[in-house]
């Protein structure tokens, strides 16, 4: 059964909105419950996907601000998958094979 909204000449006040909410509270509760139930079922059925990423860059002995900037640029290049300038492939491979890294 479709009910027509009553036409009012004046602007609706807060009490009118409260009455509309009370009138449709069953529908509001049902819709909220169905959404929560469907999201719970979806979260149990979907496969868990985890992603981890690590960037390892050798530390240089430079203490100057220019060296700091260069090391930060190297870190950003490492995040993008680009080999940072000034590091050789042999250094990175030896770092990855080191016992200190394996222990940590």
PDB file of N, CA and C in Angstrom:
ATOM      1  N   UNK A   1       0.840  -1.170   0.000  1.00  0.00           N
ATOM      2  CA  UNK A   1       0.000   0.000   0.000  1.00  0.00           C
ATOM      3  C   UNK A   1       0.890   1.239   0.000  1.00  0.00           C
ATOM      4  N   UNK A   2       0.733   2.078  -0.979  1.00  0.00           N
ATOM      5  CA  UNK A   2       1.536   3.289  -1.104  1.00  0.00           C
ATOM      6  C   UNK A   2       0.796   4.441  -0.447  1.00  0.00           C
ATOM      7  N   UNK A   3       1.471   5.103   0.465  1.00  0.00           N
ATOM      8  CA  UNK A   3       0.853   6.242   1.138  1.00  0.00           C
ATOM      9  C   UNK A   3       1.425   7.526   0.556  1.00  0.00           C
ATOM     10  N   UNK A   4       0.581   8.482   0.402  1.00  0.00           N
ATOM     11  CA  UNK A   4       1.017   9.776  -0.107  1.00  0.00           C
ATOM     12  C   UNK A   4       1.494  10.640   1.052  1.00  0.00           C
ATOM     13  N   UNK A   5       2.537  11.404   0.814  1.00  0.00           N
ATOM     14  CA  UNK A   5       3.004  12.346   1.824  1.00  0.00           C
ATOM     15  C   UNK A   5       1.971  13.449   1.942  1.00  0.00           C
ATOM     16  N   UNK A   6       1.758  13.860   3.141  1.00  0.00           N
ATOM     17  CA  UNK A   6       0.785  14.936   3.304  1.00  0.00           C
ATOM     18  C   UNK A   6       1.425  16.247   2.874  1.00  0.00           C
ATOM     19  N   UNK A   7       0.694  17.030   2.165  1.00  0.00           N
ATOM     20  CA  UNK A   7       1.197  18.299   1.652  1.00  0.00           C
ATOM     21  C   UNK A   7       0.981  19.355   2.720  1.00  0.00           C
ATOM     22  N   UNK A   8       2.074  20.019   3.042  1.00  0.00           N
ATOM     23  CA  UNK A   8       2.016  21.046   4.083  1.00  0.00           C
ATOM     24  C   UNK A   8       2.407  22.381   3.479  1.00  0.00           C
ATOM     25  N   UNK A   9       1.739  23.381   3.932  1.00  0.00           N
ATOM     26  CA  UNK A   9       2.024  24.721   3.441  1.00  0.00           C
ATOM     27  C   UNK A   9       3.268  25.301   4.109  1.00  0.00           C
ATOM     28  N   UNK A  10       3.405  25.036   5.417  1.00  0.00           N
ATOM     29  CA  UNK A  10       4.554  25.610   6.121  1.00  0.00           C
ATOM     30  C   UNK A  10       5.769  24.681   6.000  1.00  0.00           C
ATOM     31  N   UNK A  11       6.879  25.189   6.392  1.00  0.00           N
ATOM     32  CA  UNK A  11       8.143  24.451   6.330  1.00  0.00           C
ATOM     33  C   UNK A  11       8.136  23.337   7.375  1.00  0.00           C
ATOM     34  N   UNK A  12       8.611  22.119   7.023  1.00  0.00           N
ATOM     35  CA  UNK A  12       8.596  21.032   8.010  1.00  0.00           C
ATOM     36  C   UNK A  12       9.562  21.328   9.164  1.00  0.00           C
ATOM     37  N   UNK A  13       9.133  21.000  10.368  1.00  0.00           N
ATOM     38  CA  UNK A  13       9.969  21.232  11.537  1.00  0.00           C
ATOM     39  C   UNK A  13      10.574  19.909  12.006  1.00  0.00           C
ATOM     40  N   UNK A  14      11.331  19.965  13.069  1.00  0.00           N
ATOM     41  CA  UNK A  14      12.038  18.804  13.590  1.00  0.00           C
ATOM     42  C   UNK A  14      11.066  17.740  14.072  1.00  0.00           C
ATOM     43  N   UNK A  15       9.961  18.130  14.643  1.00  0.00           N
ATOM     44  CA  UNK A  15       8.972  17.171  15.119  1.00  0.00           C
ATOM     45  C   UNK A  15       8.378  16.363  13.952  1.00  0.00           C
ATOM     46  N   UNK A  16       8.163  16.995  12.816  1.00  0.00           N
ATOM     47  CA  UNK A  16       7.637  16.308  11.643  1.00  0.00           C
ATOM     48  C   UNK A  16       8.633  15.251  11.159  1.00  0.00           C
ATOM     49  N   UNK A  17       9.929  15.600  11.123  1.00  0.00           N
ATOM     50  CA  UNK A  17      10.952  14.636  10.719  1.00  0.00           C
ATOM     51  C   UNK A  17      10.987  13.460  11.693  1.00  0.00           C
ATOM     52  N   UNK A  18      10.875  13.726  12.986  1.00  0.00           N
ATOM     53  CA  UNK A  18      10.878  12.672  13.995  1.00  0.00           C
ATOM     54  C   UNK A  18       9.692  11.718  13.788  1.00  0.00           C
ATOM     55  N   UNK A  19       8.546  12.267  13.466  1.00  0.00           N
ATOM     56  CA  UNK A  19       7.362  11.440  13.212  1.00  0.00           C
ATOM     57  C   UNK A  19       7.547  10.554  11.981  1.00  0.00           C
ATOM     58  N   UNK A  20       8.173  11.090  10.952  1.00  0.00           N
ATOM     59  CA  UNK A  20       8.445  10.297   9.743  1.00  0.00           C
ATOM     60  C   UNK A  20       9.409   9.163  10.075  1.00  0.00           C
ATOM     61  N   UNK A  21      10.445   9.447  10.867  1.00  0.00           N
ATOM     62  CA  UNK A  21      11.394   8.408  11.266  1.00  0.00           C
ATOM     63  C   UNK A  21      10.722   7.341  12.112  1.00  0.00           C
ATOM     64  N   UNK A  22       9.840   7.745  13.040  1.00  0.00           N
ATOM     65  CA  UNK A  22       9.116   6.781  13.866  1.00  0.00           C
ATOM     66  C   UNK A  22       8.195   5.918  13.016  1.00  0.00           C
ATOM     67  N   UNK A  23       7.567   6.520  12.020  1.00  0.00           N
ATOM     68  CA  UNK A  23       6.641   5.792  11.168  1.00  0.00           C
ATOM     69  C   UNK A  23       7.368   4.704  10.367  1.00  0.00           C
ATOM     70  N   UNK A  24       8.599   4.980   9.946  1.00  0.00           N
ATOM     71  CA  UNK A  24       9.357   4.056   9.098  1.00  0.00           C
ATOM     72  C   UNK A  24      10.510   3.382   9.835  1.00  0.00           C
ATOM     73  N   UNK A  25      10.433   3.309  11.157  1.00  0.00           N
ATOM     74  CA  UNK A  25      11.560   2.748  11.914  1.00  0.00           C
ATOM     75  C   UNK A  25      11.774   1.272  11.607  1.00  0.00           C
ATOM     76  N   UNK A  26      10.719   0.530  11.330  1.00  0.00           N
ATOM     77  CA  UNK A  26      10.868  -0.889  10.985  1.00  0.00           C
ATOM     78  C   UNK A  26      11.665  -1.065   9.696  1.00  0.00           C
ATOM     79  N   UNK A  27      11.358  -0.248   8.696  1.00  0.00           N
ATOM     80  CA  UNK A  27      12.071  -0.301   7.431  1.00  0.00           C
ATOM     81  C   UNK A  27      13.539   0.105   7.601  1.00  0.00           C
ATOM     82  N   UNK A  28      13.781   1.115   8.417  1.00  0.00           N
ATOM     83  CA  UNK A  28      15.150   1.577   8.666  1.00  0.00           C
ATOM     84  C   UNK A  28      15.949   0.494   9.380  1.00  0.00           C
ATOM     85  N   UNK A  29      15.367  -0.146  10.386  1.00  0.00           N
ATOM     86  CA  UNK A  29      16.064  -1.203  11.124  1.00  0.00           C
ATOM     87  C   UNK A  29      16.324  -2.399  10.211  1.00  0.00           C
ATOM     88  N   UNK A  30      15.345  -2.777   9.393  1.00  0.00           N
ATOM     89  CA  UNK A  30      15.501  -3.907   8.477  1.00  0.00           C
ATOM     90  C   UNK A  30      16.601  -3.636   7.452  1.00  0.00           C
ATOM     91  N   UNK A  31      16.625  -2.448   6.877  1.00  0.00           N
ATOM     92  CA  UNK A  31      17.646  -2.102   5.888  1.00  0.00           C
ATOM     93  C   UNK A  31      19.036  -2.108   6.518  1.00  0.00           C
ATOM     94  N   UNK A  32      19.161  -1.577   7.727  1.00  0.00           N
ATOM     95  CA  UNK A  32      20.455  -1.563   8.422  1.00  0.00           C
ATOM     96  C   UNK A  32      20.915  -2.978   8.725  1.00  0.00           C
ATOM     97  N   UNK A  33      19.996  -3.825   9.202  1.00  0.00           N
ATOM     98  CA  UNK A  33      20.334  -5.208   9.515  1.00  0.00           C
ATOM     99  C   UNK A  33      20.756  -5.977   8.263  1.00  0.00           C
ATOM    100  N   UNK A  34      20.023  -5.806   7.162  1.00  0.00           N
ATOM    101  CA  UNK A  34      20.360  -6.506   5.924  1.00  0.00           C
ATOM    102  C   UNK A  34      21.719  -6.065   5.376  1.00  0.00           C
ATOM    103  N   UNK A  35      22.026  -4.778   5.447  1.00  0.00           N
ATOM    104  CA  UNK A  35      23.337  -4.287   4.991  1.00  0.00           C
ATOM    105  C   UNK A  35      24.456  -4.856   5.857  1.00  0.00           C
ATOM    106  N   UNK A  36      24.266  -4.856   7.170  1.00  0.00           N
ATOM    107  CA  UNK A  36      25.292  -5.388   8.066  1.00  0.00           C
ATOM    108  C   UNK A  36      25.480  -6.881   7.849  1.00  0.00           C
ATOM    109  N   UNK A  37      24.398  -7.609   7.659  1.00  0.00           N
ATOM    110  CA  UNK A  37      24.480  -9.049   7.424  1.00  0.00           C
ATOM    111  C   UNK A  37      25.164  -9.357   6.096  1.00  0.00           C
ATOM    112  N   UNK A  38      24.824  -8.622   5.059  1.00  0.00           N
ATOM    113  CA  UNK A  38      25.453  -8.864   3.754  1.00  0.00           C
ATOM    114  C   UNK A  38      26.945  -8.536   3.783  1.00  0.00           C
ATOM    115  N   UNK A  39      27.350  -7.491   4.491  1.00  0.00           N
ATOM    116  CA  UNK A  39      28.772  -7.163   4.594  1.00  0.00           C
ATOM    117  C   UNK A  39      29.523  -8.206   5.422  1.00  0.00           C
ATOM    118  N   UNK A  40      28.879  -8.767   6.450  1.00  0.00           N
ATOM    119  CA  UNK A  40      29.515  -9.811   7.251  1.00  0.00           C
ATOM    120  C   UNK A  40      29.728 -11.061   6.410  1.00  0.00           C
ATOM    121  N   UNK A  41      28.722 -11.444   5.637  1.00  0.00           N
ATOM    122  CA  UNK A  41      28.854 -12.613   4.764  1.00  0.00           C
ATOM    123  C   UNK A  41      29.924 -12.364   3.706  1.00  0.00           C
ATOM    124  N   UNK A  42      29.927 -11.193   3.111  1.00  0.00           N
ATOM    125  CA  UNK A  42      30.922 -10.856   2.095  1.00  0.00           C
ATOM    126  C   UNK A  42      32.337 -10.907   2.666  1.00  0.00           C
ATOM    127  N   UNK A  43      32.533 -10.363   3.865  1.00  0.00           N
ATOM    128  CA  UNK A  43      33.876 -10.349   4.451  1.00  0.00           C
ATOM    129  C   UNK A  43      34.351 -11.750   4.819  1.00  0.00           C
ATOM    130  N   UNK A  44      33.432 -12.664   5.110  1.00  0.00           N
ATOM    131  CA  UNK A  44      33.826 -14.043   5.399  1.00  0.00           C
ATOM    132  C   UNK A  44      34.112 -14.839   4.126  1.00  0.00           C
ATOM    133  N   UNK A  45      33.467 -14.499   3.037  1.00  0.00           N
ATOM    134  CA  UNK A  45      33.646 -15.244   1.792  1.00  0.00           C
ATOM    135  C   UNK A  45      34.808 -14.762   0.940  1.00  0.00           C
ATOM    136  N   UNK A  46      35.170 -13.503   1.050  1.00  0.00           N
ATOM    137  CA  UNK A  46      36.232 -12.953   0.201  1.00  0.00           C
ATOM    138  C   UNK A  46      37.597 -13.460   0.692  1.00  0.00           C
ATOM    139  N   UNK A  47      38.493 -13.684  -0.252  1.00  0.00           N
ATOM    140  CA  UNK A  47      39.825 -14.180   0.071  1.00  0.00           C
ATOM    141  C   UNK A  47      40.674 -13.050   0.661  1.00  0.00           C
ATOM    142  N   UNK A  48      41.417 -13.382   1.718  1.00  0.00           N
ATOM    143  CA  UNK A  48      42.280 -12.385   2.347  1.00  0.00           C
ATOM    144  C   UNK A  48      43.488 -12.105   1.456  1.00  0.00           C
ATOM    145  N   UNK A  49      43.798 -10.838   1.262  1.00  0.00           N
ATOM    146  CA  UNK A  49      44.946 -10.436   0.450  1.00  0.00           C
ATOM    147  C   UNK A  49      45.821  -9.540   1.314  1.00  0.00           C
ATOM    148  N   UNK A  50      47.057  -9.966   1.503  1.00  0.00           N
ATOM    149  CA  UNK A  50      48.009  -9.186   2.286  1.00  0.00           C
ATOM    150  C   UNK A  50      49.178  -8.825   1.387  1.00  0.00           C
ATOM    151  N   UNK A  51      49.713  -7.634   1.566  1.00  0.00           N
ATOM    152  CA  UNK A  51      50.827  -7.187   0.747  1.00  0.00           C
ATOM    153  C   UNK A  51      51.853  -6.536   1.651  1.00  0.00           C
ATOM    154  N   UNK A  52      53.083  -6.902   1.422  1.00  0.00           N
ATOM    155  CA  UNK A  52      54.169  -6.326   2.190  1.00  0.00           C
ATOM    156  C   UNK A  52      55.263  -5.894   1.234  1.00  0.00           C
ATOM    157  N   UNK A  53      55.924  -4.792   1.562  1.00  0.00           N
ATOM    158  CA  UNK A  53      56.973  -4.283   0.694  1.00  0.00           C
ATOM    159  C   UNK A  53      58.093  -3.746   1.559  1.00  0.00           C
ATOM    160  N   UNK A  54      59.316  -4.067   1.191  1.00  0.00           N
ATOM    161  CA  UNK A  54      60.479  -3.576   1.923  1.00  0.00           C
ATOM    162  C   UNK A  54      61.502  -3.044   0.938  1.00  0.00           C
ATOM    163  N   UNK A  55      62.161  -1.973   1.319  1.00  0.00           N
ATOM    164  CA  UNK A  55      63.213  -1.389   0.499  1.00  0.00           C
ATOM    165  C   UNK A  55      64.489  -1.383   1.324  1.00  0.00           C
ATOM    166  N   UNK A  56      65.540  -1.949   0.775  1.00  0.00           N
ATOM    167  CA  UNK A  56      66.830  -2.005   1.467  1.00  0.00           C
ATOM    168  C   UNK A  56      67.831  -1.214   0.646  1.00  0.00           C
ATOM    169  N   UNK A  57      68.371  -0.178   1.266  1.00  0.00           N
ATOM    170  CA  UNK A  57      69.361   0.671   0.600  1.00  0.00           C
ATOM    171  C   UNK A  57      70.586   0.759   1.490  1.00  0.00           C
ATOM    172  N   UNK A  58      71.764   0.505   0.935  1.00  0.00           N
ATOM    173  CA  UNK A  58      72.986   0.608   1.738  1.00  0.00           C
ATOM    174  C   UNK A  58      73.204   2.034   2.242  1.00  0.00           C
ATOM    175  N   UNK A  59      73.715   2.139   3.466  1.00  0.00           N
ATOM    176  CA  UNK A  59      73.961   3.441   4.076  1.00  0.00           C
ATOM    177  C   UNK A  59      75.352   3.903   3.670  1.00  0.00           C
ATOM    178  N   UNK A  60      75.432   5.131   3.177  1.00  0.00           N
ATOM    179  CA  UNK A  60      76.737   5.681   2.805  1.00  0.00           C
ATOM    180  C   UNK A  60      77.326   6.423   3.999  1.00  0.00           C
ATOM    181  N   UNK A  61      78.617   6.665   3.967  1.00  0.00           N
ATOM    182  CA  UNK A  61      79.303   7.308   5.078  1.00  0.00           C
ATOM    183  C   UNK A  61      79.201   8.816   5.070  1.00  0.00           C
ATOM    184  N   UNK A  62      78.539   9.407   4.098  1.00  0.00           N
ATOM    185  CA  UNK A  62      78.463  10.860   3.993  1.00  0.00           C
ATOM    186  C   UNK A  62      77.521  11.425   5.048  1.00  0.00           C
ATOM    187  N   UNK A  63      77.916  12.558   5.653  1.00  0.00           N
ATOM    188  CA  UNK A  63      77.087  13.210   6.674  1.00  0.00           C
ATOM    189  C   UNK A  63      76.572  14.570   6.204  1.00  0.00           C
ATOM    190  N   UNK A  64      76.953  14.980   5.002  1.00  0.00           N
ATOM    191  CA  UNK A  64      76.552  16.305   4.541  1.00  0.00           C
ATOM    192  C   UNK A  64      75.082  16.308   4.150  1.00  0.00           C
ATOM    193  N   UNK A  65      74.527  17.513   4.039  1.00  0.00           N
ATOM    194  CA  UNK A  65      73.123  17.622   3.674  1.00  0.00           C
ATOM    195  C   UNK A  65      72.908  17.163   2.234  1.00  0.00           C
ATOM    196  N   UNK A  66      73.918  17.352   1.389  1.00  0.00           N
ATOM    197  CA  UNK A  66      73.805  16.887   0.012  1.00  0.00           C
ATOM    198  C   UNK A  66      73.750  15.367  -0.022  1.00  0.00           C
ATOM    199  N   UNK A  67      74.516  14.714   0.836  1.00  0.00           N
ATOM    200  CA  UNK A  67      74.475  13.250   0.913  1.00  0.00           C
ATOM    201  C   UNK A  67      73.139  12.759   1.440  1.00  0.00           C
ATOM    202  N   UNK A  68      72.566  13.510   2.376  1.00  0.00           N
ATOM    203  CA  UNK A  68      71.256  13.138   2.915  1.00  0.00           C
ATOM    204  C   UNK A  68      70.183  13.239   1.836  1.00  0.00           C
ATOM    205  N   UNK A  69      70.257  14.309   1.056  1.00  0.00           N
ATOM    206  CA  UNK A  69      69.295  14.484  -0.032  1.00  0.00           C
ATOM    207  C   UNK A  69      69.460  13.377  -1.061  1.00  0.00           C
ATOM    208  N   UNK A  70      70.701  13.039  -1.375  1.00  0.00           N
ATOM    209  CA  UNK A  70      70.953  11.982  -2.353  1.00  0.00           C
ATOM    210  C   UNK A  70      70.458  10.635  -1.839  1.00  0.00           C
ATOM    211  N   UNK A  71      70.629  10.380  -0.542  1.00  0.00           N
ATOM    212  CA  UNK A  71      70.160   9.107   0.003  1.00  0.00           C
ATOM    213  C   UNK A  71      68.636   9.047   0.004  1.00  0.00           C
ATOM    214  N   UNK A  72      67.991  10.173   0.258  1.00  0.00           N
ATOM    215  CA  UNK A  72      66.525  10.198   0.203  1.00  0.00           C
ATOM    216  C   UNK A  72      66.024  10.000  -1.225  1.00  0.00           C
ATOM    217  N   UNK A  73      66.715  10.598  -2.176  1.00  0.00           N
ATOM    218  CA  UNK A  73      66.337  10.385  -3.572  1.00  0.00           C
ATOM    219  C   UNK A  73      66.546   8.926  -3.955  1.00  0.00           C
ATOM    220  N   UNK A  74      67.609   8.310  -3.426  1.00  0.00           N
ATOM    221  CA  UNK A  74      67.858   6.898  -3.681  1.00  0.00           C
ATOM    222  C   UNK A  74      66.775   6.030  -3.077  1.00  0.00           C
ATOM    223  N   UNK A  75      66.286   6.412  -1.900  1.00  0.00           N
ATOM    224  CA  UNK A  75      65.204   5.669  -1.259  1.00  0.00           C
ATOM    225  C   UNK A  75      63.935   5.749  -2.100  1.00  0.00           C
ATOM    226  N   UNK A  76      63.638   6.942  -2.616  1.00  0.00           N
ATOM    227  CA  UNK A  76      62.449   7.084  -3.460  1.00  0.00           C
ATOM    228  C   UNK A  76      62.613   6.295  -4.756  1.00  0.00           C
ATOM    229  N   UNK A  77      63.822   6.293  -5.315  1.00  0.00           N
ATOM    230  CA  UNK A  77      64.061   5.517  -6.530  1.00  0.00           C
ATOM    231  C   UNK A  77      63.901   4.031  -6.245  1.00  0.00           C
ATOM    232  N   UNK A  78      64.320   3.597  -5.061  1.00  0.00           N
ATOM    233  CA  UNK A  78      64.158   2.198  -4.686  1.00  0.00           C
ATOM    234  C   UNK A  78      62.696   1.813  -4.560  1.00  0.00           C
ATOM    235  N   UNK A  79      61.869   2.735  -4.082  1.00  0.00           N
ATOM    236  CA  UNK A  79      60.438   2.469  -3.988  1.00  0.00           C
ATOM    237  C   UNK A  79      59.814   2.282  -5.361  1.00  0.00           C
ATOM    238  N   UNK A  80      60.348   2.985  -6.332  1.00  0.00           N
ATOM    239  CA  UNK A  80      59.825   2.876  -7.688  1.00  0.00           C
ATOM    240  C   UNK A  80      60.404   1.687  -8.438  1.00  0.00           C
ATOM    241  N   UNK A  81      61.363   1.000  -7.834  1.00  0.00           N
ATOM    242  CA  UNK A  81      61.960  -0.155  -8.488  1.00  0.00           C
ATOM    243  C   UNK A  81      63.149   0.197  -9.360  1.00  0.00           C
ATOM    244  N   UNK A  82      63.621   1.407  -9.266  1.00  0.00           N
ATOM    245  CA  UNK A  82      64.771   1.852 -10.045  1.00  0.00           C
ATOM    246  C   UNK A  82      66.008   1.702  -9.173  1.00  0.00           C
ATOM    247  N   UNK A  83      67.083   1.241  -9.749  1.00  0.00           N
ATOM    248  CA  UNK A  83      68.321   1.095  -8.980  1.00  0.00           C
ATOM    249  C   UNK A  83      68.861   2.479  -8.632  1.00  0.00           C
ATOM    250  N   UNK A  84      69.081   2.772  -7.360  1.00  0.00           N
ATOM    251  CA  UNK A  84      69.587   4.092  -6.979  1.00  0.00           C
ATOM    252  C   UNK A  84      71.012   4.296  -7.470  1.00  0.00           C
ATOM    253  N   UNK A  85      71.318   5.534  -7.773  1.00  0.00           N
ATOM    254  CA  UNK A  85      72.653   5.875  -8.265  1.00  0.00           C
ATOM    255  C   UNK A  85      73.696   5.673  -7.170  1.00  0.00           C
ATOM    256  N   UNK A  86      74.852   5.195  -7.545  1.00  0.00           N
ATOM    257  CA  UNK A  86      75.944   5.050  -6.591  1.00  0.00           C
ATOM    258  C   UNK A  86      75.968   3.709  -5.894  1.00  0.00           C
ATOM    259  N   UNK A  87      75.023   2.861  -6.109  1.00  0.00           N
ATOM    260  CA  UNK A  87      75.041   1.540  -5.502  1.00  0.00           C
ATOM    261  C   UNK A  87      75.178   0.508  -6.602  1.00  0.00           C
ATOM    262  N   UNK A  88      76.085  -0.400  -6.403  1.00  0.00           N
ATOM    263  CA  UNK A  88      76.277  -1.430  -7.411  1.00  0.00           C
ATOM    264  C   UNK A  88      75.413  -2.637  -7.073  1.00  0.00           C
ATOM    265  N   UNK A  89      75.216  -3.446  -8.061  1.00  0.00           N
ATOM    266  CA  UNK A  89      74.400  -4.639  -7.869  1.00  0.00           C
ATOM    267  C   UNK A  89      75.069  -5.595  -6.892  1.00  0.00           C
ATOM    268  N   UNK A  90      76.402  -5.634  -6.907  1.00  0.00           N
ATOM    269  CA  UNK A  90      77.143  -6.523  -6.009  1.00  0.00           C
ATOM    270  C   UNK A  90      76.942  -6.115  -4.546  1.00  0.00           C
ATOM    271  N   UNK A  91      76.893  -4.801  -4.266  1.00  0.00           N
ATOM    272  CA  UNK A  91      76.670  -4.328  -2.898  1.00  0.00           C
ATOM    273  C   UNK A  91      75.299  -4.762  -2.390  1.00  0.00           C
ATOM    274  N   UNK A  92      74.293  -4.626  -3.235  1.00  0.00           N
ATOM    275  CA  UNK A  92      72.935  -4.976  -2.822  1.00  0.00           C
ATOM    276  C   UNK A  92      72.810  -6.477  -2.601  1.00  0.00           C
ATOM    277  N   UNK A  93      73.419  -7.266  -3.480  1.00  0.00           N
ATOM    278  CA  UNK A  93      73.367  -8.718  -3.328  1.00  0.00           C
ATOM    279  C   UNK A  93      74.096  -9.144  -2.066  1.00  0.00           C
ATOM    280  N   UNK A  94      75.266  -8.543  -1.785  1.00  0.00           N
ATOM    281  CA  UNK A  94      75.998  -8.902  -0.563  1.00  0.00           C
ATOM    282  C   UNK A  94      75.228  -8.480   0.690  1.00  0.00           C
ATOM    283  N   UNK A  95      74.521  -7.370   0.608  1.00  0.00           N
ATOM    284  CA  UNK A  95      73.708  -6.938   1.737  1.00  0.00           C
ATOM    285  C   UNK A  95      72.565  -7.921   1.984  1.00  0.00           C
ATOM    286  N   UNK A  96      71.927  -8.374   0.916  1.00  0.00           N
ATOM    287  CA  UNK A  96      70.834  -9.321   1.061  1.00  0.00           C
ATOM    288  C   UNK A  96      71.291 -10.667   1.593  1.00  0.00           C
ATOM    289  N   UNK A  97      72.544 -11.050   1.304  1.00  0.00           N
ATOM    290  CA  UNK A  97      73.072 -12.334   1.774  1.00  0.00           C
ATOM    291  C   UNK A  97      73.728 -12.238   3.146  1.00  0.00           C
ATOM    292  N   UNK A  98      73.792 -11.070   3.740  1.00  0.00           N
ATOM    293  CA  UNK A  98      74.489 -10.895   5.011  1.00  0.00           C
ATOM    294  C   UNK A  98      73.747 -11.578   6.149  1.00  0.00           C
ATOM    295  N   UNK A  99      74.507 -12.015   7.157  1.00  0.00           N
ATOM    296  CA  UNK A  99      73.944 -12.701   8.326  1.00  0.00           C
ATOM    297  C   UNK A  99      73.126 -11.753   9.196  1.00  0.00           C
ATOM    298  N   UNK A 100      73.507 -10.501   9.280  1.00  0.00           N
ATOM    299  CA  UNK A 100      72.785  -9.520  10.097  1.00  0.00           C
ATOM    300  C   UNK A 100      71.359  -9.361   9.600  1.00  0.00           C
ATOM    301  N   UNK A 101      71.210  -9.274   8.295  1.00  0.00           N
ATOM    302  CA  UNK A 101      69.880  -9.137   7.718  1.00  0.00           C
ATOM    303  C   UNK A 101      69.041 -10.391   7.934  1.00  0.00           C
ATOM    304  N   UNK A 102      69.661 -11.556   7.832  1.00  0.00           N
ATOM    305  CA  UNK A 102      68.943 -12.802   8.039  1.00  0.00           C
ATOM    306  C   UNK A 102      68.457 -12.916   9.472  1.00  0.00           C
ATOM    307  N   UNK A 103      69.260 -12.465  10.440  1.00  0.00           N
ATOM    308  CA  UNK A 103      68.874 -12.554  11.845  1.00  0.00           C
ATOM    309  C   UNK A 103      67.706 -11.617  12.158  1.00  0.00           C
ATOM    310  N   UNK A 104      67.744 -10.429  11.603  1.00  0.00           N
ATOM    311  CA  UNK A 104      66.672  -9.460  11.872  1.00  0.00           C
ATOM    312  C   UNK A 104      65.419  -9.876  11.165  1.00  0.00           C
TER     313      UNK A 104
END
